N, C-alpha and C. Protein backbone atom coordinates (compact mmCIF):
# COMPACT_ATOMS: atom_id res chain seq x y z
N GLN A 1 -15.57 -40.21 5.89
CA GLN A 1 -16.25 -39.54 4.51
C GLN A 1 -14.91 -39.77 3.79
N VAL A 2 -15.39 -39.82 2.72
CA VAL A 2 -13.98 -40.07 1.74
C VAL A 2 -14.34 -39.18 0.63
N GLN A 3 -13.27 -38.54 0.04
CA GLN A 3 -13.79 -38.13 -1.29
C GLN A 3 -12.98 -39.17 -2.62
N LEU A 4 -13.89 -38.81 -3.43
CA LEU A 4 -13.67 -40.05 -4.77
C LEU A 4 -13.51 -38.57 -5.86
N VAL A 5 -12.85 -38.94 -7.06
CA VAL A 5 -12.50 -38.11 -7.88
C VAL A 5 -12.61 -39.05 -8.85
N GLU A 6 -13.10 -38.91 -10.03
CA GLU A 6 -13.36 -39.96 -11.43
C GLU A 6 -12.64 -39.02 -12.20
N SER A 7 -11.62 -39.28 -13.11
CA SER A 7 -11.07 -39.52 -14.11
C SER A 7 -11.41 -40.29 -15.65
N GLY A 8 -11.39 -39.77 -16.76
CA GLY A 8 -11.22 -40.89 -17.91
C GLY A 8 -12.30 -40.98 -18.94
N GLY A 9 -13.26 -40.03 -18.57
CA GLY A 9 -14.18 -40.13 -19.26
C GLY A 9 -14.22 -39.23 -20.62
N GLY A 10 -14.81 -39.36 -21.86
CA GLY A 10 -14.81 -38.39 -22.96
C GLY A 10 -15.69 -39.12 -23.97
N SER A 11 -15.13 -38.68 -25.16
CA SER A 11 -15.98 -39.02 -26.60
C SER A 11 -15.12 -40.08 -27.32
N VAL A 12 -16.07 -41.25 -27.71
CA VAL A 12 -15.39 -42.44 -28.52
C VAL A 12 -16.40 -42.80 -29.21
N GLN A 13 -15.91 -43.48 -30.70
CA GLN A 13 -16.86 -43.75 -31.09
C GLN A 13 -17.09 -45.58 -31.04
N ALA A 14 -18.10 -45.65 -31.31
CA ALA A 14 -19.02 -47.00 -31.26
C ALA A 14 -17.59 -48.44 -31.49
N GLY A 15 -17.58 -49.09 -30.68
CA GLY A 15 -16.75 -50.48 -30.61
C GLY A 15 -15.06 -49.54 -29.55
N GLY A 16 -15.04 -48.65 -29.48
CA GLY A 16 -13.96 -47.64 -29.08
C GLY A 16 -13.71 -48.54 -27.61
N SER A 17 -13.15 -47.80 -27.00
CA SER A 17 -12.37 -48.22 -25.38
C SER A 17 -12.50 -46.87 -24.61
N LEU A 18 -12.69 -47.12 -23.16
CA LEU A 18 -12.09 -45.75 -22.11
C LEU A 18 -11.76 -46.53 -21.20
N ARG A 19 -11.08 -46.30 -20.37
CA ARG A 19 -10.75 -46.33 -18.98
C ARG A 19 -10.82 -45.23 -17.87
N LEU A 20 -11.75 -45.65 -17.18
CA LEU A 20 -12.23 -44.80 -16.42
C LEU A 20 -11.28 -45.18 -14.65
N SER A 21 -11.10 -43.92 -14.08
CA SER A 21 -10.19 -43.86 -12.73
C SER A 21 -11.21 -43.43 -11.52
N CYS A 22 -10.78 -43.96 -10.52
CA CYS A 22 -11.49 -43.39 -9.23
C CYS A 22 -10.46 -43.11 -8.42
N THR A 23 -10.28 -42.35 -7.86
CA THR A 23 -8.98 -42.14 -7.02
C THR A 23 -9.73 -41.45 -5.78
N ALA A 24 -9.38 -42.18 -4.66
CA ALA A 24 -10.04 -42.02 -2.97
C ALA A 24 -8.83 -40.90 -2.25
N SER A 25 -9.38 -40.44 -1.46
CA SER A 25 -8.85 -39.35 -0.40
C SER A 25 -8.14 -40.39 0.63
N LYS A 26 -8.51 -41.45 0.67
CA LYS A 26 -7.86 -42.52 1.73
C LYS A 26 -7.91 -43.69 1.60
N VAL A 27 -7.19 -44.82 1.68
CA VAL A 27 -7.29 -46.25 1.41
C VAL A 27 -9.12 -46.75 1.91
N ILE A 28 -9.44 -47.45 0.72
CA ILE A 28 -10.48 -47.80 0.90
C ILE A 28 -10.55 -49.60 1.20
N PHE A 29 -11.31 -49.57 2.26
CA PHE A 29 -11.59 -51.21 2.40
C PHE A 29 -12.64 -51.83 1.80
N ARG A 30 -13.94 -50.87 2.00
CA ARG A 30 -15.26 -51.51 1.77
C ARG A 30 -15.22 -51.22 0.13
N THR A 31 -16.41 -51.59 -0.34
CA THR A 31 -16.70 -52.18 -1.58
C THR A 31 -16.40 -50.94 -2.38
N GLY A 32 -15.74 -50.86 -3.49
CA GLY A 32 -15.85 -49.96 -4.57
C GLY A 32 -16.51 -50.40 -5.78
N ALA A 33 -17.18 -49.00 -6.18
CA ALA A 33 -18.41 -50.06 -7.58
C ALA A 33 -18.45 -48.63 -8.52
N TRP A 34 -18.73 -49.17 -9.40
CA TRP A 34 -18.88 -47.97 -10.84
C TRP A 34 -20.52 -48.07 -11.23
N TYR A 35 -21.37 -46.76 -11.29
CA TYR A 35 -22.55 -46.44 -11.45
C TYR A 35 -22.72 -45.72 -12.70
N ARG A 36 -23.63 -45.85 -13.43
CA ARG A 36 -23.85 -44.88 -14.46
C ARG A 36 -25.27 -44.74 -14.49
N GLN A 37 -25.55 -43.21 -15.03
CA GLN A 37 -26.83 -42.50 -14.92
C GLN A 37 -27.14 -41.51 -16.22
N THR A 38 -28.22 -41.86 -16.72
CA THR A 38 -28.83 -40.80 -18.06
C THR A 38 -29.98 -40.07 -17.32
N PRO A 39 -30.16 -39.01 -17.98
CA PRO A 39 -31.04 -37.97 -17.87
C PRO A 39 -32.39 -38.92 -17.79
N ALA A 40 -32.91 -39.93 -18.32
CA ALA A 40 -33.63 -41.13 -18.15
C ALA A 40 -33.76 -42.17 -17.47
N THR A 41 -32.70 -42.40 -16.48
CA THR A 41 -32.66 -43.46 -15.74
C THR A 41 -32.08 -42.79 -14.15
N GLN A 42 -32.47 -44.00 -13.37
CA GLN A 42 -31.56 -43.95 -12.14
C GLN A 42 -30.31 -44.29 -12.30
N ARG A 43 -29.56 -44.10 -11.22
CA ARG A 43 -28.26 -44.54 -11.42
C ARG A 43 -28.08 -46.47 -11.16
N GLU A 44 -27.55 -46.81 -11.99
CA GLU A 44 -27.47 -48.50 -12.36
C GLU A 44 -25.86 -48.57 -12.19
N LEU A 45 -25.84 -50.15 -11.44
CA LEU A 45 -24.65 -50.51 -11.17
C LEU A 45 -24.09 -50.97 -12.37
N ASP A 46 -22.84 -50.49 -12.89
CA ASP A 46 -21.97 -51.49 -13.68
C ASP A 46 -21.31 -52.52 -13.20
N ALA A 47 -20.39 -52.08 -11.94
CA ALA A 47 -19.52 -53.24 -11.56
C ALA A 47 -19.15 -52.89 -10.29
N SER A 48 -18.48 -53.51 -9.20
CA SER A 48 -18.29 -53.38 -8.05
C SER A 48 -17.32 -54.61 -7.64
N ILE A 49 -16.30 -54.04 -6.68
CA ILE A 49 -15.26 -55.10 -6.51
C ILE A 49 -15.19 -54.98 -4.62
N ARG A 50 -15.29 -56.07 -4.14
CA ARG A 50 -15.50 -56.04 -2.88
C ARG A 50 -14.02 -56.76 -2.18
N ALA A 51 -14.05 -56.69 -0.96
CA ALA A 51 -13.19 -57.32 -0.44
C ALA A 51 -12.51 -58.95 -0.80
N GLY A 52 -11.58 -59.04 -0.82
CA GLY A 52 -10.85 -60.15 -1.66
C GLY A 52 -10.48 -60.31 -3.23
N ASP A 53 -10.96 -58.97 -3.47
CA ASP A 53 -10.83 -58.37 -5.14
C ASP A 53 -11.84 -59.37 -5.79
N VAL A 54 -12.95 -59.57 -4.93
CA VAL A 54 -14.10 -60.29 -6.18
C VAL A 54 -14.87 -59.43 -7.14
N GLU A 55 -15.44 -59.30 -8.13
CA GLU A 55 -15.83 -58.54 -9.08
C GLU A 55 -17.10 -59.17 -9.23
N ASN A 56 -18.01 -57.91 -9.31
CA ASN A 56 -19.44 -58.61 -9.93
C ASN A 56 -19.76 -57.25 -11.06
N TYR A 57 -20.69 -57.92 -11.95
CA TYR A 57 -20.71 -57.14 -13.41
C TYR A 57 -21.68 -56.95 -13.55
N ALA A 58 -22.88 -56.06 -13.98
CA ALA A 58 -24.28 -56.04 -14.52
C ALA A 58 -23.99 -56.89 -15.56
N GLU A 59 -25.18 -57.42 -15.85
CA GLU A 59 -25.51 -58.75 -17.26
C GLU A 59 -25.28 -58.07 -18.71
N SER A 60 -25.36 -56.59 -18.78
CA SER A 60 -25.08 -55.89 -19.92
C SER A 60 -23.84 -54.96 -20.15
N VAL A 61 -22.86 -55.63 -19.06
CA VAL A 61 -21.33 -55.16 -19.19
C VAL A 61 -20.26 -56.10 -19.24
N LYS A 62 -20.59 -57.22 -18.74
CA LYS A 62 -19.69 -58.57 -18.13
C LYS A 62 -18.99 -59.11 -18.96
N ASP A 63 -19.60 -58.42 -20.29
CA ASP A 63 -18.20 -59.45 -21.55
C ASP A 63 -17.73 -58.08 -22.26
N GLY A 64 -17.79 -56.84 -21.69
CA GLY A 64 -16.96 -56.04 -22.29
C GLY A 64 -16.03 -55.12 -21.13
N PHE A 65 -16.48 -55.25 -20.07
CA PHE A 65 -16.03 -54.10 -18.85
C PHE A 65 -14.92 -55.24 -18.16
N VAL A 66 -14.07 -54.33 -17.46
CA VAL A 66 -13.13 -55.36 -16.17
C VAL A 66 -12.97 -53.99 -15.44
N MET A 67 -12.86 -54.62 -13.95
CA MET A 67 -12.92 -53.51 -13.07
C MET A 67 -11.69 -54.17 -12.39
N SER A 68 -10.61 -52.78 -11.61
CA SER A 68 -9.77 -53.55 -10.96
C SER A 68 -9.44 -52.68 -9.82
N ARG A 69 -8.29 -53.00 -8.89
CA ARG A 69 -8.02 -51.82 -7.56
C ARG A 69 -6.78 -51.84 -8.07
N SER A 70 -6.22 -50.70 -7.54
CA SER A 70 -4.83 -51.03 -7.58
C SER A 70 -4.31 -51.40 -5.98
N PRO A 71 -2.73 -51.63 -5.93
CA PRO A 71 -2.61 -52.53 -4.40
C PRO A 71 -2.62 -51.22 -3.77
N ASN A 72 -2.67 -50.28 -3.59
CA ASN A 72 -2.62 -49.76 -2.51
C ASN A 72 -4.22 -49.06 -1.62
N ARG A 73 -4.70 -49.78 -3.06
CA ARG A 73 -6.56 -49.53 -2.85
C ARG A 73 -7.02 -48.33 -2.56
N LYS A 74 -6.37 -47.38 -3.04
CA LYS A 74 -7.20 -45.77 -3.06
C LYS A 74 -7.52 -45.56 -4.63
N THR A 75 -7.23 -46.45 -5.62
CA THR A 75 -7.79 -46.41 -6.76
C THR A 75 -8.32 -47.36 -7.65
N TRP A 76 -9.65 -47.08 -8.27
CA TRP A 76 -9.96 -48.35 -8.86
C TRP A 76 -10.29 -47.77 -10.23
N TYR A 77 -10.24 -49.06 -11.15
CA TYR A 77 -10.74 -48.81 -12.20
C TYR A 77 -11.94 -49.51 -13.21
N LEU A 78 -12.17 -48.90 -14.15
CA LEU A 78 -12.94 -49.36 -15.12
C LEU A 78 -12.59 -49.44 -16.51
N GLU A 79 -12.14 -50.74 -17.03
CA GLU A 79 -11.81 -50.61 -18.41
C GLU A 79 -13.37 -50.93 -19.26
N MET A 80 -13.15 -49.84 -20.16
CA MET A 80 -14.64 -50.26 -20.91
C MET A 80 -14.50 -50.63 -22.32
N ASN A 81 -14.55 -51.90 -22.47
CA ASN A 81 -14.31 -52.23 -24.21
C ASN A 81 -15.67 -52.58 -24.66
N ARG A 82 -15.31 -52.00 -26.16
CA ARG A 82 -16.68 -52.60 -27.12
C ARG A 82 -17.79 -51.52 -26.67
N LEU A 83 -17.53 -50.79 -26.59
CA LEU A 83 -18.72 -49.06 -26.20
C LEU A 83 -19.50 -48.97 -27.54
N GLY A 84 -21.10 -49.09 -26.49
CA GLY A 84 -21.65 -48.70 -27.64
C GLY A 84 -22.43 -47.17 -26.96
N PRO A 85 -23.60 -46.89 -28.25
CA PRO A 85 -24.20 -45.66 -28.06
C PRO A 85 -25.18 -46.18 -26.48
N GLU A 86 -25.42 -46.68 -26.40
CA GLU A 86 -26.32 -47.16 -24.91
C GLU A 86 -25.15 -46.91 -23.87
N ASP A 87 -23.99 -46.96 -24.01
CA ASP A 87 -23.13 -46.90 -22.86
C ASP A 87 -23.14 -45.22 -22.33
N THR A 88 -23.73 -44.28 -23.38
CA THR A 88 -23.45 -42.72 -23.18
C THR A 88 -24.07 -42.64 -21.99
N ALA A 89 -23.66 -41.97 -20.92
CA ALA A 89 -23.93 -41.91 -19.61
C ALA A 89 -23.02 -41.04 -18.41
N PHE A 90 -23.46 -40.38 -17.52
CA PHE A 90 -22.80 -40.01 -16.36
C PHE A 90 -22.12 -41.10 -15.47
N HIS A 91 -21.07 -41.50 -15.37
CA HIS A 91 -20.46 -42.51 -14.92
C HIS A 91 -19.79 -42.10 -13.27
N PHE A 92 -20.08 -42.78 -12.33
CA PHE A 92 -19.87 -42.43 -11.10
C PHE A 92 -19.06 -43.46 -10.56
N CYS A 93 -18.01 -43.13 -9.79
CA CYS A 93 -17.52 -44.15 -8.46
C CYS A 93 -18.41 -44.20 -7.14
N ASN A 94 -18.28 -45.49 -6.58
CA ASN A 94 -19.07 -45.35 -5.11
C ASN A 94 -18.20 -45.95 -4.15
N ALA A 95 -17.81 -45.72 -2.64
CA ALA A 95 -17.67 -46.36 -1.84
C ALA A 95 -18.17 -47.07 -0.42
N GLY A 96 -18.47 -48.14 -0.24
CA GLY A 96 -19.11 -48.58 0.54
C GLY A 96 -20.76 -48.94 0.34
N GLY A 97 -20.90 -49.00 -0.77
CA GLY A 97 -22.46 -49.12 -1.45
C GLY A 97 -23.24 -48.12 -0.96
N VAL A 98 -24.67 -48.04 -1.41
CA VAL A 98 -25.55 -46.96 -1.09
C VAL A 98 -26.21 -47.07 0.35
N PRO A 99 -26.09 -45.81 0.57
CA PRO A 99 -25.67 -44.73 -0.27
C PRO A 99 -24.35 -44.27 -0.03
N GLY A 100 -23.07 -44.89 1.15
CA GLY A 100 -21.91 -44.73 0.61
C GLY A 100 -21.23 -43.02 0.50
N ASP A 101 -20.42 -43.13 -0.27
CA ASP A 101 -19.58 -41.90 -0.64
C ASP A 101 -19.29 -41.78 -2.14
N TRP A 102 -19.76 -40.71 -2.61
CA TRP A 102 -19.90 -40.89 -4.40
C TRP A 102 -19.03 -39.86 -4.78
N GLY A 103 -18.28 -39.95 -5.95
CA GLY A 103 -17.64 -38.92 -6.76
C GLY A 103 -18.58 -37.97 -7.25
N ARG A 104 -18.15 -37.26 -7.82
CA ARG A 104 -19.00 -36.31 -9.02
C ARG A 104 -19.32 -37.03 -10.04
N GLY A 105 -18.61 -37.74 -10.77
CA GLY A 105 -19.01 -38.21 -12.13
C GLY A 105 -18.29 -37.99 -13.31
N THR A 106 -18.37 -38.40 -14.24
CA THR A 106 -17.49 -38.27 -15.61
C THR A 106 -18.27 -38.77 -16.59
N GLN A 107 -18.44 -37.88 -17.85
CA GLN A 107 -19.33 -38.23 -18.86
C GLN A 107 -18.44 -38.81 -19.84
N VAL A 108 -19.58 -39.91 -20.49
CA VAL A 108 -19.04 -41.09 -21.47
C VAL A 108 -19.70 -40.88 -22.54
N THR A 109 -19.27 -40.37 -23.53
CA THR A 109 -20.41 -40.34 -24.80
C THR A 109 -19.58 -40.98 -25.98
N VAL A 110 -20.44 -41.97 -26.71
CA VAL A 110 -20.08 -43.21 -27.62
C VAL A 110 -21.55 -42.86 -28.32
N SER A 111 -20.79 -42.21 -29.98
CA SER A 111 -21.47 -41.55 -30.94
C SER A 111 -21.23 -43.12 -31.97
N SER A 112 -22.47 -43.46 -32.61
CA SER A 112 -22.36 -44.44 -33.78
C SER A 112 -21.69 -44.11 -34.73
């Protein structure tokens, strides 16, 4: 099992950007991913990066979000650009797919 810690959440106005980070307690060779959840929804995938650094994005974020991974494979990032109020959610990082390992999440709030 791996411990994951997210950081970088916060409040921003619509059109702004945030960069989320997820740091793992050990090197991750499995797929890393970012999910979001609101009180009204289940966790939904935003982006994932798997072996070979192949990225995959949800249709709703593919034009504004970029996911990357550090060379030491212990940290991955989600650069969120052109944020809108619909991106307000608790954002979680995941290692190894579902069920996999999860961080505790970080809140992102976007005001209009």
